[in-house]
Protein backbone atom coordinates (compact mmCIF):
# COMPACT_ATOMS: atom_id res chain seq x y z
CA UNK A 1 -0.09 -0.19 0.43
CA UNK A 2 1.21 3.78 -0.73
CA UNK A 3 1.98 5.91 1.56
CA UNK A 4 1.49 9.71 1.63
CA UNK A 5 4.33 11.79 3.29
CA UNK A 6 3.30 14.75 5.23
CA UNK A 7 5.82 17.16 5.05
CA UNK A 8 4.48 19.01 7.82
CA UNK A 9 5.51 16.29 10.51
CA UNK A 10 9.12 17.21 9.06
CA UNK A 11 9.29 20.54 10.13
CA UNK A 12 7.33 19.51 13.71
CA UNK A 13 9.38 17.15 14.38
CA UNK A 14 12.75 19.59 13.73
CA UNK A 15 10.91 22.30 15.84
CA UNK A 16 10.18 19.11 18.85
CA UNK A 17 13.33 18.45 18.97
CA UNK A 18 14.51 21.90 19.04
CA UNK A 19 17.10 22.13 16.22
CA UNK A 20 17.71 24.78 13.30
CA UNK A 21 17.52 23.81 9.75
CA UNK A 22 21.40 24.23 9.85
CA UNK A 23 21.63 21.57 12.36
CA UNK A 24 19.01 19.43 11.28
CA UNK A 25 20.73 20.03 7.91
CA UNK A 26 24.39 18.93 9.13
CA UNK A 27 22.91 15.72 11.05
CA UNK A 28 20.95 14.28 7.67
CA UNK A 29 23.62 15.16 5.47
CA UNK A 30 21.65 17.47 3.28
CA UNK A 31 21.73 21.33 2.33
CA UNK A 32 19.84 23.70 4.50
CA UNK A 33 17.61 24.68 1.33
CA UNK A 34 16.93 21.24 0.37
CA UNK A 35 15.70 20.61 3.56
CA UNK A 36 13.72 23.76 3.95
CA UNK A 37 12.28 22.55 0.12
CA UNK A 38 11.04 19.08 2.20
CA UNK A 39 9.65 20.84 4.88
CA UNK A 40 7.34 22.70 2.61
CA UNK A 41 6.58 19.87 0.28
CA UNK A 42 8.37 21.41 -2.62
CA UNK A 43 10.81 18.95 -3.11
CA UNK A 44 10.14 15.02 -2.86
CA UNK A 45 12.17 13.06 -0.11
CA UNK A 46 14.05 9.84 -1.57
CA UNK A 47 13.20 6.54 1.67
CA UNK A 48 17.17 7.15 2.35
CA UNK A 49 16.83 10.21 3.38
CA UNK A 50 13.43 9.87 5.04
CA UNK A 51 15.41 7.47 6.93
CA UNK A 52 18.54 9.73 7.96
CA UNK A 53 15.60 12.32 8.86
CA UNK A 54 14.15 9.85 11.25
CA UNK A 55 17.12 9.05 12.76
CA UNK A 56 18.39 11.92 12.97
CA UNK A 57 15.52 13.35 15.46
CA UNK A 58 14.93 9.90 16.87
CA UNK A 59 11.50 9.15 15.61
CA UNK A 60 10.17 6.29 13.77
CA UNK A 61 9.95 6.53 9.72
CA UNK A 62 6.16 6.25 10.06
CA UNK A 63 6.08 9.50 12.03
CA UNK A 64 6.39 11.08 8.84
CA UNK A 65 3.47 9.25 6.81
CA UNK A 66 -0.03 10.73 6.86
CA UNK A 67 -2.44 8.58 8.71
CA UNK A 68 -5.44 7.33 7.31
CA UNK A 69 -8.95 7.69 9.21
CA UNK A 70 -10.42 5.14 11.02
CA UNK A 71 -13.78 6.57 10.44
CA UNK A 72 -13.77 8.95 7.10
CA UNK A 73 -15.15 12.50 7.63
CA UNK A 74 -19.02 11.99 6.69
CA UNK A 75 -19.53 8.27 8.33
CA UNK A 76 -21.29 8.72 12.03
CA UNK A 77 -21.32 5.45 13.86
CA UNK A 78 -23.77 5.39 16.86
CA UNK A 79 -24.20 2.76 19.54
CA UNK A 80 -27.77 2.65 21.38
CA UNK A 81 -27.99 2.38 24.93
CA UNK A 82 -29.69 -0.44 26.38
CA UNK A 83 -31.75 0.51 29.36
């Protein structure tokens, strides 16, 4: 199954770890400009770079993928109370 990367999570992870873009880029091994484009969703990210980002921030790779809703919008489920 194809999972879509949530680019906002990459920025969130960096801010969570209180790391500057320059420091993060050095940890990951890419340029600061490339990291900036990745965080804004302007550039795709290869699996190897995503793994490096996850290692740099000490987070699982799954953290950076969009999560599917268990209950999509528009579908409501109700349980009736038994008295």
